[in-house]
PDB file of N, CA and C in Angstrom:
ATOM      1  N   MET A   1     -54.216 -57.599 -26.052  1.00  0.00           N
ATOM      2  CA  MET A   1     -54.206 -56.316 -26.722  1.00  0.00           C
ATOM      3  C   MET A   1     -54.792 -55.217 -25.828  1.00  0.00           C
ATOM      4  N   VAL A   2     -55.869 -55.554 -25.125  1.00  0.00           N
ATOM      5  CA  VAL A   2     -56.501 -54.591 -24.243  1.00  0.00           C
ATOM      6  C   VAL A   2     -55.556 -54.231 -23.099  1.00  0.00           C
ATOM      7  N   LYS A   3     -54.850 -55.240 -22.548  1.00  0.00           N
ATOM      8  CA  LYS A   3     -53.904 -54.975 -21.463  1.00  0.00           C
ATOM      9  C   LYS A   3     -52.795 -54.044 -21.935  1.00  0.00           C
ATOM     10  N   PHE A   4     -52.315 -54.246 -23.161  1.00  0.00           N
ATOM     11  CA  PHE A   4     -51.266 -53.387 -23.716  1.00  0.00           C
ATOM     12  C   PHE A   4     -51.768 -51.950 -23.850  1.00  0.00           C
ATOM     13  N   ALA A   5     -52.989 -51.788 -24.345  1.00  0.00           N
ATOM     14  CA  ALA A   5     -53.562 -50.446 -24.511  1.00  0.00           C
ATOM     15  C   ALA A   5     -53.740 -49.772 -23.157  1.00  0.00           C
ATOM     16  N   LEU A   6     -54.216 -50.508 -22.170  1.00  0.00           N
ATOM     17  CA  LEU A   6     -54.398 -49.942 -20.833  1.00  0.00           C
ATOM     18  C   LEU A   6     -53.055 -49.568 -20.211  1.00  0.00           C
ATOM     19  N   ALA A   7     -52.059 -50.408 -20.419  1.00  0.00           N
ATOM     20  CA  ALA A   7     -50.724 -50.112 -19.878  1.00  0.00           C
ATOM     21  C   ALA A   7     -50.152 -48.863 -20.542  1.00  0.00           C
ATOM     22  N   SER A   8     -50.358 -48.711 -21.829  1.00  0.00           N
ATOM     23  CA  SER A   8     -49.874 -47.525 -22.550  1.00  0.00           C
ATOM     24  C   SER A   8     -50.558 -46.262 -22.049  1.00  0.00           C
ATOM     25  N   ILE A   9     -51.847 -46.330 -21.840  1.00  0.00           N
ATOM     26  CA  ILE A   9     -52.597 -45.179 -21.343  1.00  0.00           C
ATOM     27  C   ILE A   9     -52.133 -44.823 -19.933  1.00  0.00           C
ATOM     28  N   ALA A  10     -51.948 -45.833 -19.091  1.00  0.00           N
ATOM     29  CA  ALA A  10     -51.491 -45.584 -17.718  1.00  0.00           C
ATOM     30  C   ALA A  10     -50.112 -44.946 -17.713  1.00  0.00           C
ATOM     31  N   LEU A  11     -49.217 -45.409 -18.572  1.00  0.00           N
ATOM     32  CA  LEU A  11     -47.871 -44.843 -18.654  1.00  0.00           C
ATOM     33  C   LEU A  11     -47.925 -43.396 -19.119  1.00  0.00           C
ATOM     34  N   MET A  12     -48.752 -43.102 -20.110  1.00  0.00           N
ATOM     35  CA  MET A  12     -48.879 -41.728 -20.592  1.00  0.00           C
ATOM     36  C   MET A  12     -49.449 -40.826 -19.498  1.00  0.00           C
ATOM     37  N   ALA A  13     -50.445 -41.297 -18.769  1.00  0.00           N
ATOM     38  CA  ALA A  13     -51.054 -40.501 -17.708  1.00  0.00           C
ATOM     39  C   ALA A  13     -50.066 -40.240 -16.577  1.00  0.00           C
ATOM     40  N   ALA A  14     -49.262 -41.244 -16.262  1.00  0.00           N
ATOM     41  CA  ALA A  14     -48.279 -41.084 -15.183  1.00  0.00           C
ATOM     42  C   ALA A  14     -47.174 -40.114 -15.560  1.00  0.00           C
ATOM     43  N   SER A  15     -46.819 -40.057 -16.821  1.00  0.00           N
ATOM     44  CA  SER A  15     -45.733 -39.182 -17.247  1.00  0.00           C
ATOM     45  C   SER A  15     -46.201 -37.783 -17.626  1.00  0.00           C
ATOM     46  N   LEU A  16     -47.494 -37.548 -17.696  1.00  0.00           N
ATOM     47  CA  LEU A  16     -48.028 -36.245 -18.089  1.00  0.00           C
ATOM     48  C   LEU A  16     -47.545 -35.103 -17.205  1.00  0.00           C
ATOM     49  N   PRO A  17     -47.581 -35.232 -15.870  1.00  0.00           N
ATOM     50  CA  PRO A  17     -47.101 -34.105 -15.053  1.00  0.00           C
ATOM     51  C   PRO A  17     -45.641 -33.748 -15.327  1.00  0.00           C
ATOM     52  N   PHE A  18     -44.822 -34.740 -15.650  1.00  0.00           N
ATOM     53  CA  PHE A  18     -43.420 -34.474 -15.927  1.00  0.00           C
ATOM     54  C   PHE A  18     -43.230 -33.778 -17.268  1.00  0.00           C
ATOM     55  N   SER A  19     -44.073 -34.091 -18.219  1.00  0.00           N
ATOM     56  CA  SER A  19     -43.927 -33.467 -19.531  1.00  0.00           C
ATOM     57  C   SER A  19     -44.448 -32.033 -19.522  1.00  0.00           C
ATOM     58  N   LEU A  20     -45.329 -31.695 -18.575  1.00  0.00           N
ATOM     59  CA  LEU A  20     -45.866 -30.349 -18.516  1.00  0.00           C
ATOM     60  C   LEU A  20     -44.921 -29.383 -17.806  1.00  0.00           C
ATOM     61  N   ALA A  21     -44.079 -29.923 -16.912  1.00  0.00           N
ATOM     62  CA  ALA A  21     -43.126 -29.074 -16.199  1.00  0.00           C
ATOM     63  C   ALA A  21     -42.057 -28.604 -17.176  1.00  0.00           C
ATOM     64  N   ASP A  22     -41.606 -27.374 -16.992  1.00  0.00           N
ATOM     65  CA  ASP A  22     -40.647 -26.779 -17.902  1.00  0.00           C
ATOM     66  C   ASP A  22     -39.549 -26.121 -17.087  1.00  0.00           C
ATOM     67  N   ASN A  23     -38.334 -26.180 -17.597  1.00  0.00           N
ATOM     68  CA  ASN A  23     -37.231 -25.492 -16.936  1.00  0.00           C
ATOM     69  C   ASN A  23     -37.200 -24.036 -17.374  1.00  0.00           C
ATOM     70  N   CYS A  24     -36.604 -23.212 -16.529  1.00  0.00           N
ATOM     71  CA  CYS A  24     -36.440 -21.799 -16.874  1.00  0.00           C
ATOM     72  C   CYS A  24     -35.411 -21.656 -17.994  1.00  0.00           C
ATOM     73  N   SER A  25     -35.410 -20.513 -18.632  1.00  0.00           N
ATOM     74  CA  SER A  25     -34.455 -20.218 -19.710  1.00  0.00           C
ATOM     75  C   SER A  25     -33.246 -19.494 -19.136  1.00  0.00           C
ATOM     76  N   PRO A  26     -32.032 -20.029 -19.336  1.00  0.00           N
ATOM     77  CA  PRO A  26     -30.825 -19.403 -18.778  1.00  0.00           C
ATOM     78  C   PRO A  26     -30.703 -17.922 -19.160  1.00  0.00           C
ATOM     79  N   GLY A  27     -30.363 -17.110 -18.145  1.00  0.00           N
ATOM     80  CA  GLY A  27     -30.178 -15.677 -18.355  1.00  0.00           C
ATOM     81  C   GLY A  27     -31.435 -14.848 -18.197  1.00  0.00           C
ATOM     82  N   ILE A  28     -32.597 -15.490 -18.150  1.00  0.00           N
ATOM     83  CA  ILE A  28     -33.863 -14.765 -18.004  1.00  0.00           C
ATOM     84  C   ILE A  28     -34.161 -14.584 -16.515  1.00  0.00           C
ATOM     85  N   ARG A  29     -34.678 -13.414 -16.157  1.00  0.00           N
ATOM     86  CA  ARG A  29     -35.059 -13.109 -14.772  1.00  0.00           C
ATOM     87  C   ARG A  29     -36.550 -13.392 -14.592  1.00  0.00           C
ATOM     88  N   TYR A  30     -36.871 -14.049 -13.481  1.00  0.00           N
ATOM     89  CA  TYR A  30     -38.240 -14.489 -13.221  1.00  0.00           C
ATOM     90  C   TYR A  30     -38.727 -14.045 -11.851  1.00  0.00           C
ATOM     91  N   CYS A  31     -39.995 -13.711 -11.776  1.00  0.00           N
ATOM     92  CA  CYS A  31     -40.675 -13.561 -10.494  1.00  0.00           C
ATOM     93  C   CYS A  31     -40.928 -14.977  -9.975  1.00  0.00           C
ATOM     94  N   GLY A  32     -40.953 -15.110  -8.666  1.00  0.00           N
ATOM     95  CA  GLY A  32     -41.200 -16.427  -8.085  1.00  0.00           C
ATOM     96  C   GLY A  32     -42.488 -17.061  -8.578  1.00  0.00           C
ATOM     97  N   TYR A  33     -43.548 -16.269  -8.713  1.00  0.00           N
ATOM     98  CA  TYR A  33     -44.827 -16.843  -9.140  1.00  0.00           C
ATOM     99  C   TYR A  33     -44.761 -17.395 -10.557  1.00  0.00           C
ATOM    100  N   ASN A  34     -43.915 -16.826 -11.407  1.00  0.00           N
ATOM    101  CA  ASN A  34     -43.772 -17.369 -12.759  1.00  0.00           C
ATOM    102  C   ASN A  34     -42.959 -18.661 -12.757  1.00  0.00           C
ATOM    103  N   LEU A  35     -41.984 -18.764 -11.865  1.00  0.00           N
ATOM    104  CA  LEU A  35     -41.250 -20.023 -11.743  1.00  0.00           C
ATOM    105  C   LEU A  35     -42.174 -21.136 -11.255  1.00  0.00           C
ATOM    106  N   LEU A  36     -43.049 -20.815 -10.304  1.00  0.00           N
ATOM    107  CA  LEU A  36     -44.000 -21.806  -9.810  1.00  0.00           C
ATOM    108  C   LEU A  36     -44.955 -22.254 -10.919  1.00  0.00           C
ATOM    109  N   ALA A  37     -45.366 -21.335 -11.775  1.00  0.00           N
ATOM    110  CA  ALA A  37     -46.256 -21.677 -12.886  1.00  0.00           C
ATOM    111  C   ALA A  37     -45.522 -22.495 -13.948  1.00  0.00           C
ATOM    112  N   LYS A  38     -44.227 -22.269 -14.090  1.00  0.00           N
ATOM    113  CA  LYS A  38     -43.417 -22.946 -15.098  1.00  0.00           C
ATOM    114  C   LYS A  38     -43.168 -24.400 -14.744  1.00  0.00           C
ATOM    115  N   GLY A  39     -42.952 -24.671 -13.465  1.00  0.00           N
ATOM    116  CA  GLY A  39     -42.641 -26.046 -13.068  1.00  0.00           C
ATOM    117  C   GLY A  39     -42.550 -26.188 -11.569  1.00  0.00           C
ATOM    118  N   ASP A  40     -41.878 -27.229 -11.138  1.00  0.00           N
ATOM    119  CA  ASP A  40     -41.766 -27.571  -9.726  1.00  0.00           C
ATOM    120  C   ASP A  40     -40.578 -26.833  -9.112  1.00  0.00           C
ATOM    121  N   TYR A  41     -40.748 -25.545  -8.863  1.00  0.00           N
ATOM    122  CA  TYR A  41     -39.658 -24.695  -8.384  1.00  0.00           C
ATOM    123  C   TYR A  41     -39.755 -24.328  -6.901  1.00  0.00           C
ATOM    124  N   LEU A  42     -40.766 -24.798  -6.198  1.00  0.00           N
ATOM    125  CA  LEU A  42     -40.940 -24.375  -4.807  1.00  0.00           C
ATOM    126  C   LEU A  42     -39.716 -24.710  -3.951  1.00  0.00           C
ATOM    127  N   GLU A  43     -39.189 -25.899  -4.088  1.00  0.00           N
ATOM    128  CA  GLU A  43     -38.019 -26.285  -3.289  1.00  0.00           C
ATOM    129  C   GLU A  43     -36.802 -25.419  -3.621  1.00  0.00           C
ATOM    130  N   GLN A  44     -36.543 -25.184  -4.901  1.00  0.00           N
ATOM    131  CA  GLN A  44     -35.403 -24.343  -5.291  1.00  0.00           C
ATOM    132  C   GLN A  44     -35.586 -22.906  -4.799  1.00  0.00           C
ATOM    133  N   ILE A  45     -36.794 -22.374  -4.897  1.00  0.00           N
ATOM    134  CA  ILE A  45     -37.066 -21.013  -4.427  1.00  0.00           C
ATOM    135  C   ILE A  45     -36.823 -20.926  -2.927  1.00  0.00           C
ATOM    136  N   THR A  46     -37.350 -21.890  -2.189  1.00  0.00           N
ATOM    137  CA  THR A  46     -37.183 -21.909  -0.735  1.00  0.00           C
ATOM    138  C   THR A  46     -35.709 -21.999  -0.358  1.00  0.00           C
ATOM    139  N   GLU A  47     -34.962 -22.866  -1.039  1.00  0.00           N
ATOM    140  CA  GLU A  47     -33.526 -22.995  -0.771  1.00  0.00           C
ATOM    141  C   GLU A  47     -32.784 -21.696  -1.084  1.00  0.00           C
ATOM    142  N   ALA A  48     -33.127 -21.058  -2.188  1.00  0.00           N
ATOM    143  CA  ALA A  48     -32.467 -19.799  -2.571  1.00  0.00           C
ATOM    144  C   ALA A  48     -32.763 -18.697  -1.558  1.00  0.00           C
ATOM    145  N   LEU A  49     -34.016 -18.627  -1.110  1.00  0.00           N
ATOM    146  CA  LEU A  49     -34.386 -17.624  -0.112  1.00  0.00           C
ATOM    147  C   LEU A  49     -33.676 -17.894   1.223  1.00  0.00           C
ATOM    148  N   ASN A  50     -33.667 -19.150   1.653  1.00  0.00           N
ATOM    149  CA  ASN A  50     -32.957 -19.511   2.890  1.00  0.00           C
ATOM    150  C   ASN A  50     -31.477 -19.162   2.792  1.00  0.00           C
ATOM    151  N   GLY A  51     -30.874 -19.461   1.658  1.00  0.00           N
ATOM    152  CA  GLY A  51     -29.453 -19.183   1.453  1.00  0.00           C
ATOM    153  C   GLY A  51     -29.129 -17.703   1.508  1.00  0.00           C
ATOM    154  N   ALA A  52     -30.103 -16.869   1.169  1.00  0.00           N
ATOM    155  CA  ALA A  52     -29.906 -15.417   1.190  1.00  0.00           C
ATOM    156  C   ALA A  52     -30.365 -14.801   2.515  1.00  0.00           C
ATOM    157  N   GLY A  53     -30.832 -15.646   3.444  1.00  0.00           N
ATOM    158  CA  GLY A  53     -31.296 -15.133   4.720  1.00  0.00           C
ATOM    159  C   GLY A  53     -32.635 -14.428   4.638  1.00  0.00           C
ATOM    160  N   GLU A  54     -33.414 -14.733   3.611  1.00  0.00           N
ATOM    161  CA  GLU A  54     -34.726 -14.103   3.408  1.00  0.00           C
ATOM    162  C   GLU A  54     -35.836 -14.991   3.958  1.00  0.00           C
ATOM    163  N   SER A  55     -36.976 -14.392   4.205  1.00  0.00           N
ATOM    164  CA  SER A  55     -38.153 -15.120   4.651  1.00  0.00           C
ATOM    165  C   SER A  55     -38.624 -16.062   3.549  1.00  0.00           C
ATOM    166  N   THR A  56     -39.256 -17.159   3.937  1.00  0.00           N
ATOM    167  CA  THR A  56     -39.815 -18.094   2.955  1.00  0.00           C
ATOM    168  C   THR A  56     -41.345 -18.079   3.010  1.00  0.00           C
ATOM    169  N   ASP A  57     -41.908 -16.964   3.472  1.00  0.00           N
ATOM    170  CA  ASP A  57     -43.367 -16.858   3.477  1.00  0.00           C
ATOM    171  C   ASP A  57     -43.874 -16.746   2.036  1.00  0.00           C
ATOM    172  N   THR A  58     -45.169 -16.874   1.879  1.00  0.00           N
ATOM    173  CA  THR A  58     -45.786 -16.884   0.546  1.00  0.00           C
ATOM    174  C   THR A  58     -45.435 -15.634  -0.255  1.00  0.00           C
ATOM    175  N   GLN A  59     -45.456 -14.478   0.382  1.00  0.00           N
ATOM    176  CA  GLN A  59     -45.165 -13.238  -0.332  1.00  0.00           C
ATOM    177  C   GLN A  59     -43.736 -13.244  -0.878  1.00  0.00           C
ATOM    178  N   HIS A  60     -42.773 -13.687  -0.090  1.00  0.00           N
ATOM    179  CA  HIS A  60     -41.387 -13.725  -0.560  1.00  0.00           C
ATOM    180  C   HIS A  60     -41.190 -14.780  -1.653  1.00  0.00           C
ATOM    181  N   VAL A  61     -41.862 -15.910  -1.508  1.00  0.00           N
ATOM    182  CA  VAL A  61     -41.771 -16.950  -2.544  1.00  0.00           C
ATOM    183  C   VAL A  61     -42.299 -16.415  -3.870  1.00  0.00           C
ATOM    184  N   ARG A  62     -43.441 -15.754  -3.851  1.00  0.00           N
ATOM    185  CA  ARG A  62     -44.089 -15.308  -5.085  1.00  0.00           C
ATOM    186  C   ARG A  62     -43.540 -13.991  -5.636  1.00  0.00           C
ATOM    187  N   GLN A  63     -43.098 -13.074  -4.769  1.00  0.00           N
ATOM    188  CA  GLN A  63     -42.718 -11.733  -5.202  1.00  0.00           C
ATOM    189  C   GLN A  63     -41.214 -11.468  -5.167  1.00  0.00           C
ATOM    190  N   SER A  64     -40.417 -12.512  -5.091  1.00  0.00           N
ATOM    191  CA  SER A  64     -38.965 -12.326  -5.174  1.00  0.00           C
ATOM    192  C   SER A  64     -38.523 -12.513  -6.610  1.00  0.00           C
ATOM    193  N   PHE A  65     -37.361 -11.992  -6.899  1.00  0.00           N
ATOM    194  CA  PHE A  65     -36.798 -11.949  -8.245  1.00  0.00           C
ATOM    195  C   PHE A  65     -35.632 -12.930  -8.307  1.00  0.00           C
ATOM    196  N   PHE A  66     -35.618 -13.785  -9.320  1.00  0.00           N
ATOM    197  CA  PHE A  66     -34.594 -14.808  -9.493  1.00  0.00           C
ATOM    198  C   PHE A  66     -34.061 -14.748 -10.917  1.00  0.00           C
ATOM    199  N   ILE A  67     -32.816 -15.159 -11.083  1.00  0.00           N
ATOM    200  CA  ILE A  67     -32.266 -15.304 -12.433  1.00  0.00           C
ATOM    201  C   ILE A  67     -32.026 -16.788 -12.674  1.00  0.00           C
ATOM    202  N   CYS A  68     -32.358 -17.239 -13.851  1.00  0.00           N
ATOM    203  CA  CYS A  68     -32.135 -18.628 -14.228  1.00  0.00           C
ATOM    204  C   CYS A  68     -30.678 -18.791 -14.627  1.00  0.00           C
ATOM    205  N   THR A  69     -29.978 -19.666 -13.911  1.00  0.00           N
ATOM    206  CA  THR A  69     -28.569 -19.905 -14.208  1.00  0.00           C
ATOM    207  C   THR A  69     -28.379 -21.111 -15.109  1.00  0.00           C
ATOM    208  N   GLY A  70     -29.456 -21.822 -15.398  1.00  0.00           N
ATOM    209  CA  GLY A  70     -29.404 -22.963 -16.307  1.00  0.00           C
ATOM    210  C   GLY A  70     -29.124 -24.260 -15.584  1.00  0.00           C
ATOM    211  N   GLY A  71     -28.432 -25.153 -16.245  1.00  0.00           N
ATOM    212  CA  GLY A  71     -28.152 -26.462 -15.664  1.00  0.00           C
ATOM    213  C   GLY A  71     -29.272 -27.440 -15.948  1.00  0.00           C
ATOM    214  N   PRO A  72     -29.041 -28.707 -15.610  1.00  0.00           N
ATOM    215  CA  PRO A  72     -30.019 -29.752 -15.932  1.00  0.00           C
ATOM    216  C   PRO A  72     -31.361 -29.593 -15.222  1.00  0.00           C
ATOM    217  N   GLY A  73     -31.381 -28.977 -14.043  1.00  0.00           N
ATOM    218  CA  GLY A  73     -32.634 -28.802 -13.320  1.00  0.00           C
ATOM    219  C   GLY A  73     -33.193 -27.410 -13.436  1.00  0.00           C
ATOM    220  N   GLY A  74     -32.638 -26.588 -14.321  1.00  0.00           N
ATOM    221  CA  GLY A  74     -33.096 -25.212 -14.434  1.00  0.00           C
ATOM    222  C   GLY A  74     -32.821 -24.446 -13.159  1.00  0.00           C
ATOM    223  N   GLU A  75     -31.561 -24.459 -12.715  1.00  0.00           N
ATOM    224  CA  GLU A  75     -31.194 -23.817 -11.457  1.00  0.00           C
ATOM    225  C   GLU A  75     -31.453 -22.317 -11.500  1.00  0.00           C
ATOM    226  N   ILE A  76     -31.735 -21.783 -10.318  1.00  0.00           N
ATOM    227  CA  ILE A  76     -32.023 -20.356 -10.174  1.00  0.00           C
ATOM    228  C   ILE A  76     -31.136 -19.754  -9.095  1.00  0.00           C
ATOM    229  N   SER A  77     -31.005 -18.435  -9.145  1.00  0.00           N
ATOM    230  CA  SER A  77     -30.254 -17.699  -8.142  1.00  0.00           C
ATOM    231  C   SER A  77     -31.116 -16.516  -7.687  1.00  0.00           C
ATOM    232  N   TYR A  78     -31.251 -16.365  -6.359  1.00  0.00           N
ATOM    233  CA  TYR A  78     -32.028 -15.273  -5.789  1.00  0.00           C
ATOM    234  C   TYR A  78     -31.350 -13.947  -6.102  1.00  0.00           C
ATOM    235  N   GLN A  79     -32.129 -12.941  -6.477  1.00  0.00           N
ATOM    236  CA  GLN A  79     -31.618 -11.605  -6.742  1.00  0.00           C
ATOM    237  C   GLN A  79     -32.043 -10.640  -5.638  1.00  0.00           C
ATOM    238  N   TYR A  80     -33.351 -10.426  -5.474  1.00  0.00           N
ATOM    239  CA  TYR A  80     -33.858  -9.561  -4.427  1.00  0.00           C
ATOM    240  C   TYR A  80     -35.374  -9.678  -4.332  1.00  0.00           C
ATOM    241  N   PHE A  81     -35.913  -9.154  -3.238  1.00  0.00           N
ATOM    242  CA  PHE A  81     -37.355  -9.132  -3.008  1.00  0.00           C
ATOM    243  C   PHE A  81     -37.933  -7.873  -3.643  1.00  0.00           C
ATOM    244  N   CYS A  82     -39.020  -8.011  -4.343  1.00  0.00           N
ATOM    245  CA  CYS A  82     -39.677  -6.880  -5.006  1.00  0.00           C
ATOM    246  C   CYS A  82     -40.698  -6.268  -4.043  1.00  0.00           C
ATOM    247  N   ASN A  83     -40.297  -5.232  -3.339  1.00  0.00           N
ATOM    248  CA  ASN A  83     -41.153  -4.594  -2.335  1.00  0.00           C
ATOM    249  C   ASN A  83     -42.470  -4.091  -2.905  1.00  0.00           C
ATOM    250  N   ASN A  84     -42.447  -3.593  -4.129  1.00  0.00           N
ATOM    251  CA  ASN A  84     -43.644  -3.023  -4.736  1.00  0.00           C
ATOM    252  C   ASN A  84     -44.241  -3.906  -5.822  1.00  0.00           C
ATOM    253  N   GLY A  85     -43.931  -5.178  -5.775  1.00  0.00           N
ATOM    254  CA  GLY A  85     -44.513  -6.119  -6.713  1.00  0.00           C
ATOM    255  C   GLY A  85     -43.578  -6.533  -7.829  1.00  0.00           C
ATOM    256  N   CYS A  86     -43.703  -7.764  -8.216  1.00  0.00           N
ATOM    257  CA  CYS A  86     -42.930  -8.355  -9.309  1.00  0.00           C
ATOM    258  C   CYS A  86     -43.895  -8.544 -10.483  1.00  0.00           C
ATOM    259  N   HIS A  87     -43.451  -8.207 -11.690  1.00  0.00           N
ATOM    260  CA  HIS A  87     -44.350  -8.180 -12.843  1.00  0.00           C
ATOM    261  C   HIS A  87     -43.855  -9.061 -13.983  1.00  0.00           C
ATOM    262  N   ASP A  88     -44.800  -9.671 -14.647  1.00  0.00           N
ATOM    263  CA  ASP A  88     -44.536 -10.579 -15.762  1.00  0.00           C
ATOM    264  C   ASP A  88     -44.096  -9.793 -16.994  1.00  0.00           C
ATOM    265  N   GLY A  89     -42.923 -10.126 -17.523  1.00  0.00           N
ATOM    266  CA  GLY A  89     -42.415  -9.456 -18.709  1.00  0.00           C
ATOM    267  C   GLY A  89     -42.893 -10.086 -20.013  1.00  0.00           C
ATOM    268  N   GLY A  90     -43.564 -11.239 -19.921  1.00  0.00           N
ATOM    269  CA  GLY A  90     -44.035 -11.923 -21.127  1.00  0.00           C
ATOM    270  C   GLY A  90     -43.142 -13.099 -21.492  1.00  0.00           C
ATOM    271  N   ARG A  91     -43.658 -13.958 -22.308  1.00  0.00           N
ATOM    272  CA  ARG A  91     -42.958 -15.181 -22.701  1.00  0.00           C
ATOM    273  C   ARG A  91     -41.586 -14.856 -23.301  1.00  0.00           C
ATOM    274  N   GLY A  92     -40.539 -15.463 -22.726  1.00  0.00           N
ATOM    275  CA  GLY A  92     -39.181 -15.281 -23.228  1.00  0.00           C
ATOM    276  C   GLY A  92     -38.540 -13.966 -22.867  1.00  0.00           C
ATOM    277  N   GLN A  93     -39.242 -13.138 -22.078  1.00  0.00           N
ATOM    278  CA  GLN A  93     -38.731 -11.827 -21.680  1.00  0.00           C
ATOM    279  C   GLN A  93     -38.483 -11.797 -20.180  1.00  0.00           C
ATOM    280  N   ASN A  94     -37.608 -10.900 -19.749  1.00  0.00           N
ATOM    281  CA  ASN A  94     -37.348 -10.745 -18.322  1.00  0.00           C
ATOM    282  C   ASN A  94     -38.578 -10.190 -17.610  1.00  0.00           C
ATOM    283  N   ASP A  95     -38.860 -10.744 -16.421  1.00  0.00           N
ATOM    284  CA  ASP A  95     -39.840 -10.127 -15.542  1.00  0.00           C
ATOM    285  C   ASP A  95     -39.175  -8.900 -14.940  1.00  0.00           C
ATOM    286  N   TRP A  96     -39.924  -8.083 -14.188  1.00  0.00           N
ATOM    287  CA  TRP A  96     -39.345  -6.869 -13.635  1.00  0.00           C
ATOM    288  C   TRP A  96     -40.022  -6.496 -12.323  1.00  0.00           C
ATOM    289  N   CYS A  97     -39.312  -5.683 -11.543  1.00  0.00           N
ATOM    290  CA  CYS A  97     -39.791  -5.188 -10.244  1.00  0.00           C
ATOM    291  C   CYS A  97     -40.066  -3.703 -10.326  1.00  0.00           C
ATOM    292  N   ASN A  98     -41.013  -3.245  -9.492  1.00  0.00           N
ATOM    293  CA  ASN A  98     -41.233  -1.803  -9.321  1.00  0.00           C
ATOM    294  C   ASN A  98     -40.171  -1.251  -8.413  1.00  0.00           C
TER     295      ASN A  98
END
């Protein structure tokens, strides 16, 4: 019984990071930093920036604007770099650039 309880706890602990990650909402525009806070988006952000010929430095990763195109992995599409900062629009709302 103890082994079963320990195995259950270990399984729950191992799956916790996956349950906390969230996909973006299709049609919503996000700042890079909000995508990073939402889930494991660093690779997708880097790929989108590379595909657009943009820098992949920290500022571009965090301050670029993306639209969620949906799909099983919460795919994103690069829109543009926010020269004057990218701002949080709030839960379920579009972020915005200056």
